[in-house]
């Protein structure tokens, strides 16, 4: 493989990182056409591996997040990747960047360690190693391995499949907005959404249930449904037609965000998946649309009350 195989060198000609996006940067490291479309890498015959990071100022604020919140979130976002690929997590490596400023006390570190171990124990994950280093800011990275019989890819959706979602959307974005407002007197529903933002939870509870059904494609929602539905559609070379009114959302959240905010809410960790079979109504998932033949110009179409709905928000952008 030669340097001519990469488009990475072209990036240095750009004046500002904000002109890039996550997909462009990742693609630049791979030969043309070789960029993976899934959050997990499949190591044949039965292993999955994924990695995710939390950086202070980008993924969290210390004045909002406790060490317990960060330990929870770090584990859950990685577990979610393994679960959405049809696997069960079992082995972890932690990289911990300590900030140069004296902001991490011994007490803070002990609380993080305790919560981190508890979350790994909950998921029956063994910590196998990692690294520590000095950093300008608090930086956390977890690499997670899992077992899988047959991985579920984003690229398996077929026309006429039904599109499902595993639960209500909007809670994370609602929680973020409430934190930004610094409201002192919180109602129960507001506290619930703040917790959804600070401690998103993977849908591992659905894993043994969904394993009994034929799932053609799956991914978790981390950048918002607008972006993530498009990623699934492009990976499968299909189009998705989604009826917004079938997307579950709590009334208070919908009143606060509107449908635009619901569709753009990231770090939800709910699953969007497709299946050629009807899933029993006894299973707590929601049919929200149909897979259609691929239309390059419009791979995802949202409808509201029978009319086309064009979202005004795109969701979380990593470099904006």
Protein backbone atom coordinates (compact mmCIF):
# COMPACT_ATOMS: atom_id res chain seq x y z
CA UNK A 1 0.00 0.00 0.00
CA UNK A 2 1.45 3.38 -0.99
CA UNK A 3 0.76 6.92 0.15
CA UNK A 4 -0.89 7.53 -3.21
CA UNK A 5 -3.68 5.18 -2.05
CA UNK A 6 -4.74 7.69 0.59
CA UNK A 7 -6.59 10.98 0.38
CA UNK A 8 -5.19 11.92 3.79
CA UNK A 9 -2.52 14.24 2.39
CA UNK A 10 -5.21 16.35 0.80
CA UNK A 11 -6.46 17.26 4.27
CA UNK A 12 -3.42 19.40 4.99
CA UNK A 13 -4.52 21.77 2.25
CA UNK A 14 -7.65 22.64 4.20
CA UNK A 15 -7.32 25.72 6.39
CA UNK A 16 -9.71 24.78 9.17
CA UNK A 17 -10.63 21.52 10.89
CA UNK A 18 -14.23 22.73 11.16
CA UNK A 19 -14.54 22.36 7.38
CA UNK A 20 -14.17 18.60 7.86
CA UNK A 21 -16.53 16.02 9.23
CA UNK A 22 -16.00 12.74 11.03
CA UNK A 23 -16.68 10.58 7.98
CA UNK A 24 -14.28 12.56 5.78
CA UNK A 25 -11.46 12.25 8.30
CA UNK A 26 -11.97 8.52 8.89
CA UNK A 27 -12.22 7.81 5.16
CA UNK A 28 -8.93 9.62 4.54
CA UNK A 29 -7.03 6.95 6.48
CA UNK A 30 -8.28 4.09 4.29
CA UNK A 31 -7.63 3.13 0.67
CA UNK A 32 -10.43 4.23 -1.62
CA UNK A 33 -13.54 2.12 -1.08
CA UNK A 34 -12.13 0.32 1.97
CA UNK A 35 -13.64 2.41 4.79
CA UNK A 36 -15.61 0.17 7.19
CA UNK A 37 -19.26 1.08 7.71
CA UNK A 38 -19.76 -0.51 11.15
CA UNK A 39 -18.81 0.58 14.67
CA UNK A 40 -17.34 -2.85 15.40
CA UNK A 41 -14.65 -4.80 13.55
CA UNK A 42 -15.31 -8.50 13.12
CA UNK A 43 -12.35 -10.72 13.95
CA UNK A 44 -13.21 -14.11 12.50
CA UNK A 45 -14.39 -16.52 13.61
CA UNK A 46 -16.24 -15.11 16.63
CA UNK A 47 -14.85 -11.81 17.96
CA UNK A 48 -15.91 -8.17 17.80
CA UNK A 49 -13.80 -5.16 18.77
CA UNK A 50 -14.77 -1.52 19.18
CA UNK A 51 -13.34 1.60 20.77
CA UNK A 52 -14.77 4.92 21.90
CA UNK A 53 -13.52 7.99 23.73
CA UNK A 54 -14.72 10.70 26.10
CA UNK A 55 -12.81 14.00 26.02
CA UNK A 56 -13.37 16.85 28.47
CA UNK A 57 -14.96 19.82 26.73
CA UNK A 58 -16.13 17.72 23.80
CA UNK A 59 -18.16 14.85 25.28
CA UNK A 60 -18.68 16.13 28.81
CA UNK A 61 -18.21 19.01 31.24
CA UNK A 62 -16.74 18.38 34.67
CA UNK A 63 -19.14 20.82 36.30
CA UNK A 64 -22.03 18.65 35.05
CA UNK A 65 -20.61 15.15 35.17
CA UNK A 66 -19.61 13.26 38.29
CA UNK A 67 -16.90 10.57 38.12
CA UNK A 68 -19.71 8.02 38.40
CA UNK A 69 -21.43 9.56 35.36
CA UNK A 70 -18.25 9.34 33.28
CA UNK A 71 -17.51 5.74 34.26
CA UNK A 72 -21.09 4.77 33.39
CA UNK A 73 -21.08 6.57 30.04
CA UNK A 74 -17.66 5.28 28.97
CA UNK A 75 -18.70 1.68 29.49
CA UNK A 76 -22.22 1.99 28.06
CA UNK A 77 -21.30 3.69 24.76
CA UNK A 78 -18.87 0.87 24.03
CA UNK A 79 -21.22 -1.89 25.17
CA UNK A 80 -23.84 -0.39 22.86
CA UNK A 81 -21.56 -0.85 19.84
CA UNK A 82 -21.02 -4.52 20.66
CA UNK A 83 -24.72 -5.13 21.32
CA UNK A 84 -25.84 -3.41 18.09
CA UNK A 85 -23.53 -5.77 16.18
CA UNK A 86 -25.15 -8.80 17.78
CA UNK A 87 -22.40 -9.59 20.28
CA UNK A 88 -21.84 -9.90 24.02
CA UNK A 89 -18.97 -7.83 25.53
CA UNK A 90 -16.38 -9.62 27.64
CA UNK A 91 -12.94 -7.93 27.60
CA UNK A 92 -11.82 -4.29 28.02
CA UNK A 93 -8.73 -2.10 27.79
CA UNK A 94 -8.76 1.36 29.43
CA UNK A 95 -6.60 4.33 28.39
CA UNK A 96 -6.73 7.18 30.94
CA UNK A 97 -5.35 10.64 30.21
CA UNK A 98 -4.78 12.63 33.42
CA UNK A 99 -5.07 16.41 33.04
CA UNK A 100 -2.04 18.56 33.77
CA UNK A 101 -4.12 20.84 35.94
CA UNK A 102 -4.68 19.68 39.50
CA UNK A 103 -8.37 18.92 38.85
CA UNK A 104 -8.39 15.18 39.57
CA UNK A 105 -8.21 14.46 43.26
CA UNK A 106 -7.53 11.09 44.85
CA UNK A 107 -11.15 11.02 45.97
CA UNK A 108 -12.36 11.69 42.39
CA UNK A 109 -10.18 8.90 41.05
CA UNK A 110 -11.38 6.43 43.69
CA UNK A 111 -15.00 7.22 42.87
CA UNK A 112 -14.36 6.75 39.15
CA UNK A 113 -12.54 3.46 39.72
CA UNK A 114 -15.31 2.11 41.93
CA UNK A 115 -18.07 3.04 39.48
CA UNK A 116 -16.06 1.76 36.53
CA UNK A 117 -15.47 -1.62 38.14
CA UNK A 118 -19.14 -1.86 39.10
CA UNK A 119 -20.26 -1.19 35.53
CA UNK A 120 -17.85 -3.74 34.11
CA UNK A 121 -19.04 -6.29 36.67
CA UNK A 122 -22.66 -5.59 35.74
CA UNK A 123 -21.88 -6.51 32.12
CA UNK A 124 -19.50 -9.38 33.09
CA UNK A 125 -16.56 -7.66 31.40
CA UNK A 126 -12.96 -8.31 32.43
CA UNK A 127 -10.49 -5.40 32.46
CA UNK A 128 -7.41 -6.80 30.73
CA UNK A 129 -5.08 -3.79 30.52
CA UNK A 130 -4.61 -0.29 29.15
CA UNK A 131 -2.46 2.81 29.52
CA UNK A 132 -2.19 6.02 31.56
CA UNK A 133 -0.67 9.29 30.38
CA UNK A 134 -0.46 13.01 31.11
CA UNK A 135 -2.90 15.07 29.07
CA UNK A 136 -3.89 18.75 28.69
CA UNK A 137 -7.41 17.68 29.67
CA UNK A 138 -9.22 14.64 31.05
CA UNK A 139 -9.32 11.97 28.34
CA UNK A 140 -10.90 8.53 28.61
CA UNK A 141 -10.77 5.75 26.03
CA UNK A 142 -12.14 2.23 26.23
CA UNK A 143 -11.48 -0.60 23.78
CA UNK A 144 -13.98 -3.42 24.13
CA UNK A 145 -14.00 -6.97 22.78
CA UNK A 146 -17.05 -9.19 22.51
CA UNK A 147 -18.17 -12.63 21.39
CA UNK A 148 -20.53 -13.14 18.47
CA UNK A 149 -21.81 -16.06 16.39
CA UNK A 150 -22.79 -14.08 13.31
CA UNK A 151 -22.30 -10.29 13.36
CA UNK A 152 -25.20 -8.00 12.48
CA UNK A 153 -23.97 -5.41 9.96
CA UNK A 154 -25.40 -2.10 8.84
CA UNK A 155 -25.20 -3.34 5.27
CA UNK A 156 -27.87 -6.06 5.46
CA UNK A 157 -31.12 -4.12 5.04
CA UNK A 158 -33.24 -5.08 2.03
CA UNK A 159 -36.25 -3.44 0.32
CA UNK A 160 -39.55 -4.33 2.04
CA UNK A 161 -37.85 -4.85 5.41
CA UNK A 162 -39.56 -3.11 8.32
CA UNK A 163 -37.64 -0.43 10.21
CA UNK A 164 -37.79 -0.69 14.00
CA UNK A 165 -36.58 1.43 16.88
CA UNK A 166 -36.03 0.19 20.42
CA UNK A 167 -37.37 3.12 22.44
CA UNK A 168 -38.17 6.81 22.86
CA UNK A 169 -35.86 9.45 21.42
CA UNK A 170 -35.05 12.99 22.52
CA UNK A 171 -34.15 12.41 26.15
CA UNK A 172 -30.44 13.12 25.75
CA UNK A 173 -30.95 16.40 23.90
CA UNK A 174 -33.64 17.45 26.36
CA UNK A 175 -31.28 16.73 29.25
CA UNK A 176 -28.52 18.77 27.61
CA UNK A 177 -30.80 21.78 27.13
CA UNK A 178 -32.01 21.59 30.71
CA UNK A 179 -28.42 21.52 31.97
CA UNK A 180 -27.59 24.53 29.83
CA UNK A 181 -30.52 26.47 31.29
CA UNK A 182 -29.22 25.78 34.82
CA UNK A 183 -32.76 25.44 36.17
CA UNK A 184 -32.62 24.99 39.93
CA UNK A 185 -36.06 23.54 40.62
CA UNK A 186 -36.36 20.43 38.49
CA UNK A 187 -39.53 18.46 37.92
CA UNK A 188 -39.32 14.63 37.91
CA UNK A 189 -39.51 14.41 34.10
CA UNK A 190 -36.69 16.95 33.79
CA UNK A 191 -34.44 15.03 36.18
CA UNK A 192 -35.13 11.89 34.16
CA UNK A 193 -33.95 13.52 30.91
CA UNK A 194 -30.82 14.95 32.52
CA UNK A 195 -29.98 11.45 33.71
CA UNK A 196 -30.52 10.14 30.17
CA UNK A 197 -27.96 12.66 28.96
CA UNK A 198 -25.39 12.06 31.67
CA UNK A 199 -25.84 8.28 31.84
CA UNK A 200 -27.05 6.89 28.49
CA UNK A 201 -27.79 3.19 28.75
CA UNK A 202 -27.15 0.53 26.13
CA UNK A 203 -30.07 -1.72 25.16
CA UNK A 204 -28.37 -4.91 26.25
CA UNK A 205 -31.67 -5.94 27.80
CA UNK A 206 -33.04 -6.46 24.28
CA UNK A 207 -30.12 -8.52 23.03
CA UNK A 208 -31.38 -11.99 24.09
CA UNK A 209 -34.87 -11.14 22.84
CA UNK A 210 -33.87 -9.84 19.42
CA UNK A 211 -31.47 -12.75 18.90
CA UNK A 212 -34.56 -14.90 18.38
CA UNK A 213 -35.64 -12.84 15.38
CA UNK A 214 -34.16 -12.30 11.93
CA UNK A 215 -32.43 -8.92 12.10
CA UNK A 216 -31.03 -7.83 8.73
CA UNK A 217 -29.22 -4.66 9.87
CA UNK A 218 -28.73 -2.72 13.08
CA UNK A 219 -26.90 0.23 14.65
CA UNK A 220 -27.22 2.38 17.74
CA UNK A 221 -28.25 6.03 17.64
CA UNK A 222 -25.35 8.22 18.76
CA UNK A 223 -25.31 11.19 16.36
CA UNK A 224 -29.08 11.58 15.97
CA UNK A 225 -31.60 9.69 13.84
CA UNK A 226 -31.16 12.05 10.87
CA UNK A 227 -27.49 11.17 10.49
CA UNK A 228 -27.59 7.58 11.70
CA UNK A 229 -30.52 6.54 9.51
CA UNK A 230 -28.59 7.85 6.53
CA UNK A 231 -25.49 5.87 7.57
CA UNK A 232 -27.54 2.67 7.69
CA UNK A 233 -29.20 3.45 4.35
CA UNK A 234 -25.89 4.17 2.61
CA UNK A 235 -24.23 1.06 4.07
CA UNK A 236 -27.07 -1.14 2.78
CA UNK A 237 -27.56 0.82 -0.47
CA UNK A 238 -31.25 1.20 0.27
CA UNK A 239 -33.58 4.05 1.12
CA UNK A 240 -35.50 4.39 4.37
CA UNK A 241 -38.98 5.85 4.64
CA UNK A 242 -39.72 6.80 8.26
CA UNK A 243 -43.06 7.95 9.66
CA UNK A 244 -42.15 10.46 12.35
CA UNK A 245 -45.41 10.04 14.25
CA UNK A 246 -44.52 6.39 14.88
CA UNK A 247 -41.30 7.34 16.66
CA UNK A 248 -41.91 7.07 20.42
CA UNK A 249 -41.33 10.32 22.32
CA UNK A 250 -42.45 11.54 25.72
CA UNK A 251 -44.90 14.44 25.52
CA UNK A 252 -42.83 16.75 27.73
CA UNK A 253 -39.76 16.07 25.60
CA UNK A 254 -41.66 16.63 22.36
CA UNK A 255 -43.07 19.90 23.71
CA UNK A 256 -39.56 21.06 24.61
CA UNK A 257 -37.73 19.97 21.44
CA UNK A 258 -40.28 19.59 18.68
CA UNK A 259 -39.77 16.87 16.10
CA UNK A 260 -36.59 18.52 14.82
CA UNK A 261 -34.96 18.18 18.22
CA UNK A 262 -36.18 14.60 18.61
CA UNK A 263 -34.68 13.56 15.27
CA UNK A 264 -31.37 15.28 16.00
CA UNK A 265 -30.86 14.01 19.56
CA UNK A 266 -27.57 12.14 19.89
CA UNK A 267 -26.15 9.71 22.46
CA UNK A 268 -29.51 8.00 22.79
CA UNK A 269 -28.08 4.46 22.47
CA UNK A 270 -31.45 3.24 21.28
CA UNK A 271 -31.25 0.76 18.41
CA UNK A 272 -32.50 1.29 14.88
CA UNK A 273 -32.74 -2.01 13.03
CA UNK A 274 -34.47 -3.72 10.14
CA UNK A 275 -36.12 -7.10 9.74
CA UNK A 276 -37.89 -8.94 6.95
CA UNK A 277 -40.19 -10.48 9.57
CA UNK A 278 -42.86 -8.90 11.72
CA UNK A 279 -41.68 -8.72 15.30
CA UNK A 280 -44.24 -9.69 17.89
CA UNK A 281 -46.16 -6.80 19.43
CA UNK A 282 -45.30 -8.27 22.81
CA UNK A 283 -41.67 -7.19 22.23
CA UNK A 284 -41.04 -3.55 23.35
CA UNK A 285 -39.88 -2.24 19.97
CA UNK A 286 -41.64 0.11 17.55
CA UNK A 287 -42.14 -0.19 13.78
CA UNK A 288 -41.45 3.25 12.29
CA UNK A 289 -41.17 2.70 8.56
CA UNK A 290 -40.16 0.63 5.56
CA UNK A 291 -37.01 -0.03 3.57
CA UNK A 292 -37.27 1.01 -0.08
CA UNK A 293 -35.07 0.59 -3.17
CA UNK A 294 -32.03 2.86 -3.14
CA UNK A 295 -32.42 6.50 -4.18
CA UNK A 296 -29.02 8.20 -4.08
CA UNK A 297 -30.42 11.73 -3.90
CA UNK A 298 -32.84 10.93 -1.07
CA UNK A 299 -31.75 7.80 0.88
CA UNK A 300 -33.82 8.79 3.94
CA UNK A 301 -37.28 10.32 3.73
CA UNK A 302 -39.22 11.42 6.79
CA UNK A 303 -42.97 11.89 6.64
CA UNK A 304 -45.31 13.63 9.07
CA UNK A 305 -49.08 13.24 8.70
CA UNK A 306 -48.57 11.85 5.22
CA UNK A 307 -46.40 14.74 3.98
CA UNK A 308 -42.65 14.91 3.46
CA UNK A 309 -40.82 16.37 6.45
CA UNK A 310 -37.39 17.96 5.97
CA UNK A 311 -35.50 18.16 9.29
CA UNK A 312 -33.94 21.54 10.06
CA UNK A 313 -31.33 20.02 12.39
CA UNK A 314 -28.75 17.44 11.39
CA UNK A 315 -27.69 16.24 14.84
CA UNK A 316 -24.30 16.02 16.55
CA UNK A 317 -21.31 17.10 14.44
CA UNK A 318 -17.95 16.04 15.87
CA UNK A 319 -15.90 18.92 14.46
CA UNK A 320 -18.23 21.90 14.68
